[in-house]
Protein backbone atom coordinates (compact mmCIF):
# COMPACT_ATOMS: atom_id res chain seq x y z
CA MET A 1 232.26 76.73 155.45
CA LEU A 2 232.96 78.67 158.64
CA LYS A 3 229.33 79.82 158.82
CA LYS A 4 228.18 76.22 158.43
CA LEU A 5 230.45 75.04 161.27
CA LEU A 6 229.21 77.82 163.52
CA PHE A 7 225.62 76.91 162.74
CA VAL A 8 226.28 73.24 163.60
CA ALA A 9 227.92 74.30 166.84
CA PHE A 10 224.88 76.49 167.61
CA LEU A 11 222.53 73.56 167.06
CA CYS A 12 224.66 71.34 169.31
CA CYS A 13 224.52 73.95 172.05
CA MET A 14 220.75 74.22 171.62
CA ASN A 15 220.37 70.44 171.92
CA LEU A 16 222.60 70.43 175.00
CA ALA A 17 220.56 73.20 176.59
CA GLN A 18 217.35 71.33 175.88
CA ALA A 19 218.81 68.15 177.33
CA GLN A 20 219.91 70.01 180.44
CA GLN A 21 216.34 71.15 180.97
CA LYS A 22 215.08 67.58 181.11
CA GLN A 23 214.76 65.84 184.44
CA TYR A 24 215.40 62.15 184.95
CA LYS A 25 214.77 59.67 187.71
CA ALA A 26 217.48 57.06 188.30
CA VAL A 27 217.18 53.75 190.14
CA THR A 28 219.78 51.16 191.02
CA ILE A 29 219.42 47.46 190.30
CA ALA A 30 222.17 45.33 191.82
CA PHE A 31 223.48 41.86 192.54
CA TYR A 32 225.59 40.72 195.50
CA ASN A 33 227.05 37.35 196.46
CA LEU A 34 226.81 37.48 200.26
CA GLU A 35 229.48 34.81 200.83
CA ASN A 36 227.75 32.13 202.86
CA LEU A 37 225.24 34.10 204.89
CA PHE A 38 224.22 31.30 207.26
CA ASP A 39 222.41 31.47 210.56
CA THR A 40 223.80 29.59 213.57
CA GLU A 41 221.23 26.78 213.68
CA ASN A 42 221.99 23.28 212.42
CA ASP A 43 219.66 22.31 209.58
CA PRO A 44 219.57 18.50 209.43
CA LEU A 45 218.62 18.57 205.75
CA THR A 46 221.73 20.45 204.52
CA PHE A 47 225.50 20.39 204.97
CA ASP A 48 225.63 23.46 207.21
CA ASP A 49 227.34 21.85 210.21
CA ASP A 50 230.46 24.02 209.86
CA ARG A 51 228.40 27.19 210.22
CA THR A 52 227.25 26.48 213.77
CA PRO A 53 228.78 27.50 217.11
CA ASP A 54 230.24 24.02 217.62
CA GLY A 55 231.21 23.55 213.98
CA LYS A 56 234.57 23.96 212.29
CA ASP A 57 233.94 27.66 211.59
CA HIS A 58 232.79 28.42 215.17
CA TRP A 59 229.91 30.40 213.69
CA THR A 60 228.57 32.14 216.80
CA LYS A 61 225.64 34.51 217.25
CA GLU A 62 228.11 37.38 217.69
CA ILE A 63 229.83 36.62 214.37
CA TYR A 64 226.49 36.17 212.63
CA ALA A 65 225.30 39.55 213.96
CA ASP A 66 228.47 41.26 212.71
CA LYS A 67 228.15 39.62 209.30
CA LEU A 68 224.54 40.85 209.03
CA LYS A 69 225.57 44.39 209.94
CA ASN A 70 228.31 44.39 207.30
CA MET A 71 226.06 43.00 204.56
CA ALA A 72 223.33 45.53 205.39
CA ARG A 73 225.77 48.41 205.16
CA VAL A 74 226.91 47.42 201.68
CA ILE A 75 223.41 46.89 200.33
CA ALA A 76 222.22 50.19 201.77
CA GLU A 77 225.05 52.10 200.09
CA ILE A 78 225.08 50.63 196.56
CA GLY A 79 224.12 53.45 194.20
CA GLU A 80 223.06 55.73 197.04
CA ASP A 81 225.41 58.54 195.97
CA VAL A 82 223.57 58.77 192.62
CA THR A 83 219.97 57.73 193.30
CA LYS A 84 219.80 58.91 196.94
CA THR A 85 218.45 55.53 198.00
CA SER A 86 219.46 51.89 198.19
CA PRO A 87 218.89 49.55 195.24
CA VAL A 88 215.24 49.28 194.27
CA ILE A 89 215.94 45.67 193.30
CA ILE A 90 218.88 43.54 194.41
CA GLY A 91 219.50 39.89 193.66
CA VAL A 92 221.53 37.97 196.24
CA SER A 93 223.20 34.57 196.36
CA GLU A 94 224.77 32.30 198.97
CA ILE A 95 222.00 32.78 201.50
CA GLU A 96 220.91 29.83 203.62
CA ASN A 97 217.19 30.49 203.98
CA ARG A 98 214.48 33.10 204.28
CA LYS A 99 215.27 33.69 207.95
CA VAL A 100 218.71 35.14 207.23
CA LEU A 101 217.08 37.58 204.80
CA GLU A 102 214.53 38.63 207.40
CA ASP A 103 217.35 39.16 209.90
CA LEU A 104 219.29 41.12 207.26
CA LEU A 105 216.37 43.43 206.51
CA ASN A 106 215.87 44.04 210.23
CA GLU A 107 219.33 45.64 210.46
CA PRO A 108 219.22 49.41 211.17
CA ALA A 109 220.78 50.25 207.77
CA LEU A 110 217.89 48.56 205.93
CA ARG A 111 214.98 48.58 208.36
CA ASP A 112 213.30 51.68 206.91
CA LYS A 113 213.73 50.66 203.23
CA ASN A 114 210.53 48.58 203.15
CA TYR A 115 212.12 45.67 201.30
CA GLY A 116 210.12 42.63 200.27
CA ILE A 117 211.59 39.15 199.76
CA VAL A 118 211.22 36.62 196.97
CA HIS A 119 212.84 33.33 197.93
CA TYR A 120 212.42 29.63 197.27
CA ASP A 121 214.38 26.78 198.81
CA SER A 122 216.78 25.25 196.28
CA PRO A 123 217.93 21.61 196.21
CA ASP A 124 221.57 22.72 196.61
CA ARG A 125 223.22 20.28 199.02
CA ARG A 126 225.13 23.05 200.80
CA GLY A 127 221.81 24.71 201.53
CA ILE A 128 222.55 27.96 199.72
CA ASP A 129 219.94 29.74 197.63
CA VAL A 130 219.37 32.82 195.51
CA ALA A 131 216.77 35.45 196.34
CA LEU A 132 215.53 38.87 195.33
CA LEU A 133 214.93 41.89 197.56
CA TYR A 134 212.80 44.78 196.34
CA GLN A 135 211.55 48.09 197.69
CA LYS A 136 207.81 47.52 197.94
CA ASN A 137 206.87 51.17 197.50
CA ILE A 138 208.61 51.32 194.08
CA PHE A 139 208.47 47.77 192.67
CA LYS A 140 205.10 45.99 192.70
CA LEU A 141 205.43 42.23 192.52
CA ILE A 142 203.29 40.50 189.88
CA ASP A 143 204.61 36.95 189.81
CA SER A 144 207.60 34.76 190.69
CA SER A 145 208.73 31.23 189.94
CA LYS A 146 211.74 28.98 190.42
CA HIS A 147 213.30 26.98 187.59
CA GLU A 148 215.23 23.84 188.46
CA LEU A 149 218.51 23.05 186.72
CA PHE A 150 219.05 19.38 185.90
CA ILE A 151 222.73 18.47 185.49
CA TYR A 152 224.57 15.22 186.04
CA ASP A 153 227.96 14.07 187.24
CA ILE A 154 230.57 13.85 184.48
CA ASP A 155 231.93 10.52 185.74
CA ASN A 156 228.53 9.07 186.58
CA PRO A 157 225.91 10.32 184.10
CA GLU A 158 223.08 8.75 186.12
CA LYS A 159 223.97 10.72 189.24
CA ARG A 160 222.32 14.11 189.47
CA VAL A 161 224.27 17.12 190.72
CA TYR A 162 222.00 19.32 192.83
CA THR A 163 222.54 23.04 192.43
CA ARG A 164 220.72 26.34 192.74
CA ASP A 165 217.42 27.06 191.01
CA GLN A 166 217.07 30.09 188.76
CA LEU A 167 214.61 32.62 190.15
CA LEU A 168 212.28 34.58 187.85
CA VAL A 169 210.50 37.64 189.25
CA SER A 170 208.12 39.88 187.29
CA GLY A 171 206.75 43.20 188.49
CA LEU A 172 206.07 46.86 187.89
CA LEU A 173 208.92 49.30 188.45
CA ASP A 174 207.16 52.63 188.83
CA GLY A 175 204.53 51.19 186.50
CA ASP A 176 207.03 49.77 183.96
CA LYS A 177 206.86 46.00 183.65
CA ILE A 178 210.23 44.26 183.99
CA HIS A 179 211.39 40.70 184.49
CA VAL A 180 214.42 39.80 186.63
CA ILE A 181 216.20 36.45 186.69
CA VAL A 182 218.58 35.73 189.59
CA ASN A 183 221.29 33.12 189.04
CA HIS A 184 224.10 31.30 190.79
CA TRP A 185 225.56 28.96 188.19
CA PRO A 186 227.61 25.84 189.04
CA SER A 187 231.12 26.40 190.33
CA ARG A 188 234.42 25.63 188.66
CA SER A 189 235.13 22.79 191.05
CA GLY A 190 237.38 20.31 189.26
CA GLY A 191 238.65 23.00 186.90
CA GLU A 192 237.11 25.41 184.39
CA ALA A 193 237.22 23.06 181.41
CA ARG A 194 235.98 20.01 183.28
CA SER A 195 233.01 21.89 184.78
CA ARG A 196 232.21 24.01 181.69
CA SER A 197 229.30 21.87 180.53
CA LYS A 198 227.46 22.53 183.81
CA ARG A 199 227.52 26.28 183.31
CA GLU A 200 226.58 25.88 179.66
CA ALA A 201 223.56 23.90 180.87
CA ALA A 202 222.73 26.75 183.27
CA ALA A 203 223.03 29.23 180.40
CA ALA A 204 220.72 27.06 178.28
CA LEU A 205 218.10 27.10 181.04
CA ASN A 206 218.48 30.88 181.30
CA LYS A 207 218.04 31.19 177.53
CA LYS A 208 214.91 29.02 177.69
CA ILE A 209 213.37 31.29 180.32
CA ILE A 210 214.24 34.42 178.32
CA ASP A 211 212.96 32.96 175.05
CA SER A 212 209.66 32.09 176.73
CA LEU A 213 209.29 35.64 178.04
CA GLN A 214 210.09 37.14 174.64
CA LYS A 215 207.68 34.81 172.86
CA SER A 216 204.76 35.91 175.02
CA GLU A 217 205.94 39.53 175.30
CA PRO A 218 208.19 40.56 172.36
CA SER A 219 209.13 43.90 173.94
CA ALA A 220 209.89 42.39 177.33
CA LYS A 221 212.35 44.28 179.51
CA ILE A 222 214.49 41.50 180.95
CA ILE A 223 217.41 41.65 183.36
CA THR A 224 219.34 38.47 184.10
CA MET A 225 221.91 38.73 186.86
CA GLY A 226 224.02 36.66 189.14
CA ASP A 227 227.24 34.93 190.06
CA LEU A 228 227.74 33.01 186.84
CA ASN A 229 231.12 31.47 187.74
CA ASP A 230 232.16 32.39 184.20
CA ASP A 231 233.60 35.56 182.72
CA PRO A 232 231.70 37.54 180.06
CA THR A 233 233.83 36.04 177.27
CA ASN A 234 233.26 32.38 178.18
CA SER A 235 231.20 30.07 175.98
CA SER A 236 228.22 29.94 178.35
CA LEU A 237 227.71 33.67 177.79
CA LYS A 238 228.90 34.18 174.23
CA LYS A 239 227.74 30.98 172.54
CA VAL A 240 224.82 29.69 174.61
CA LEU A 241 223.25 32.89 175.88
CA GLY A 242 224.46 34.85 172.85
CA THR A 243 225.40 38.06 174.67
CA LYS A 244 226.66 41.13 172.80
CA ALA A 245 229.50 43.33 174.04
CA LYS A 246 228.59 46.52 172.15
CA ARG A 247 225.25 48.32 172.18
CA LYS A 248 225.41 49.03 168.46
CA ASN A 249 225.43 45.29 167.72
CA VAL A 250 222.34 44.49 169.78
CA LYS A 251 219.35 43.58 167.62
CA GLU A 252 215.78 42.63 168.49
CA PHE A 253 215.65 39.79 171.05
CA ASP A 254 219.43 40.08 171.66
CA LEU A 255 221.05 40.43 175.07
CA TYR A 256 223.55 43.16 175.94
CA ASN A 257 226.29 42.45 178.48
CA PRO A 258 227.82 45.74 179.65
CA MET A 259 230.24 43.75 181.80
CA GLU A 260 232.17 42.39 178.81
CA GLU A 261 233.89 45.67 177.93
CA MET A 262 234.64 46.22 181.63
CA TYR A 263 236.20 42.76 181.88
CA LYS A 264 238.40 43.42 178.85
CA LYS A 265 239.71 46.51 180.66
CA GLY A 266 240.79 44.38 183.61
CA ILE A 267 237.88 45.18 185.92
CA GLY A 268 236.71 42.30 188.11
CA SER A 269 234.38 41.37 190.95
CA LEU A 270 236.62 38.72 192.52
CA ALA A 271 240.30 37.86 192.46
CA TYR A 272 242.17 34.56 192.44
CA ARG A 273 245.89 33.93 192.17
CA ASP A 274 246.69 37.52 191.20
CA SER A 275 244.12 37.66 188.40
CA TRP A 276 240.66 39.19 188.28
CA ASN A 277 237.44 37.53 187.21
CA LEU A 278 234.10 39.18 186.52
CA PHE A 279 231.77 36.33 187.43
CA ASP A 280 229.12 38.71 188.79
CA GLN A 281 227.19 40.14 185.87
CA ILE A 282 224.00 41.97 184.95
CA ILE A 283 222.74 41.40 181.40
CA ILE A 284 219.81 43.19 179.76
CA SER A 285 217.45 42.73 176.84
CA GLU A 286 217.29 45.04 173.81
CA PRO A 287 214.15 47.05 174.82
CA LEU A 288 216.10 48.51 177.76
CA LEU A 289 218.51 50.13 175.27
CA GLU A 290 215.93 52.10 173.27
CA ASP A 291 216.13 55.89 173.08
CA ASP A 292 212.61 56.58 174.36
CA TYR A 293 213.10 57.57 178.00
CA SER A 294 209.40 57.86 178.77
CA SER A 295 209.99 54.52 180.56
CA TYR A 296 213.06 53.09 182.23
CA ARG A 297 216.14 52.48 180.05
CA TYR A 298 219.67 51.33 180.74
CA TYR A 299 222.14 54.10 181.59
CA LYS A 300 225.29 52.68 183.14
CA ALA A 301 226.81 49.58 184.75
CA GLY A 302 229.55 49.18 187.31
CA VAL A 303 231.30 47.17 190.00
CA TYR A 304 230.74 48.54 193.49
CA ASN A 305 234.28 48.36 194.85
CA LYS A 306 234.55 51.08 197.47
CA ASN A 307 237.81 51.07 199.45
CA TYR A 308 236.30 49.56 202.59
CA LEU A 309 235.27 46.47 200.61
CA SER A 310 238.90 45.69 199.75
CA ASN A 311 241.34 43.78 201.92
CA PRO A 312 243.48 46.48 203.57
CA ARG A 313 246.64 44.46 204.18
CA GLY A 314 248.76 41.42 203.57
CA GLN A 315 249.16 39.05 200.66
CA TYR A 316 245.63 39.70 199.39
CA LYS A 317 245.62 43.47 199.74
CA GLY A 318 243.18 44.98 197.24
CA TYR A 319 241.20 41.73 196.84
CA PRO A 320 237.57 41.71 198.01
CA TYR A 321 237.68 41.71 201.81
CA ARG A 322 236.07 38.35 202.48
CA SER A 323 234.39 37.62 205.78
CA PHE A 324 236.00 34.23 206.35
CA ALA A 325 239.60 33.19 205.63
CA ASN A 326 242.19 30.79 207.02
CA GLY A 327 239.59 29.10 209.21
CA ALA A 328 238.48 32.24 211.01
CA TYR A 329 236.07 35.17 210.75
CA THR A 330 237.87 38.27 209.50
CA GLY A 331 235.30 40.99 210.12
CA GLY A 332 235.19 41.57 206.37
CA TYR A 333 232.34 41.52 203.87
CA SER A 334 232.38 39.10 200.94
CA ASP A 335 234.80 37.47 198.54
CA HIS A 336 232.84 39.18 195.73
CA PHE A 337 232.23 42.84 194.99
CA PRO A 338 228.61 43.74 194.17
CA VAL A 339 227.67 44.81 190.64
CA PHE A 340 224.96 47.23 189.57
CA VAL A 341 223.21 49.03 186.74
CA TYR A 342 221.43 52.37 186.73
CA LEU A 343 218.13 52.67 184.91
CA ILE A 344 216.79 56.14 184.12
CA LYS A 345 213.60 57.63 182.77
CA GLU A 346 212.47 61.15 181.94
CA VAL A 347 210.10 62.66 184.49
CA GLY A 348 209.58 66.09 182.89
CA THR A 349 211.31 69.43 182.63
CA PRO A 350 211.65 72.17 185.27
CA GLY A 351 208.45 74.11 185.72
CA LYS A 352 206.25 71.44 184.14
């Protein structure tokens, strides 16, 4: 029996040694709610009057410039300690237009990253959209499309509620085809229960997009991400989208939500009334969980909550350090922490 145990231990050591000889490349894919990144110009087609120099928020060019600098710093640093570069792909929400993204990418922290932009104007009445940024030397864009969400007022079923489109982007990540969906689902305005059907409708649209991709490409690598305004255990995720919390339970065509186990441990991306929510999520399809690392596979997920992103003082100490509070600019970042996943693939062994 002792000899058998020693032999097993020897084999384990051999496998470990072989694994240590392998080399992997890691990339970061992230999502960040930029908390109302507006320029200073008044757009007559949207309700952006507050975010102008003469508006209620006194949104000046100096404040806008500082907000851009702060957002650029965060994006540049997500995952950098592991992958040695900024996210290869990052979905963003609460941006006013393409111009603010161009200004953002012109910041010194991001200027040399060679990011491209995928953005469409949404019908959202506040004028906020979702978008995707990608490093053009690593991710090659194939196609993109926007998908409109049709929902209606609970009290007036004939009145449409205009909200953000869902953005689908397909491309080659170092030659591996992946599809990314960027979301910003309807808010909890009026209460979670009263507004639940709106997010369930958003989840149904998301499921329709994913089903269509899987029908045409059964082994599709799909990442759906965003500010979902629901936690991983809510019905929009569990019942409508059908997400799984554990890798071992994920079957063909299923979706794995690594954020659910994190949420159950008390980890969140935003805080409200002394409780944490994990509205910001990144969810992946089953092919990204396979054991063949000759192409990119899921490795790890997390919330990017470095100390400088947390409120340093006062009643909301430890909460995300938002950029606007109590009617004034704070010099902070966002009321959400970013979230991310690492994807890895084998690139050979030393000497080969």
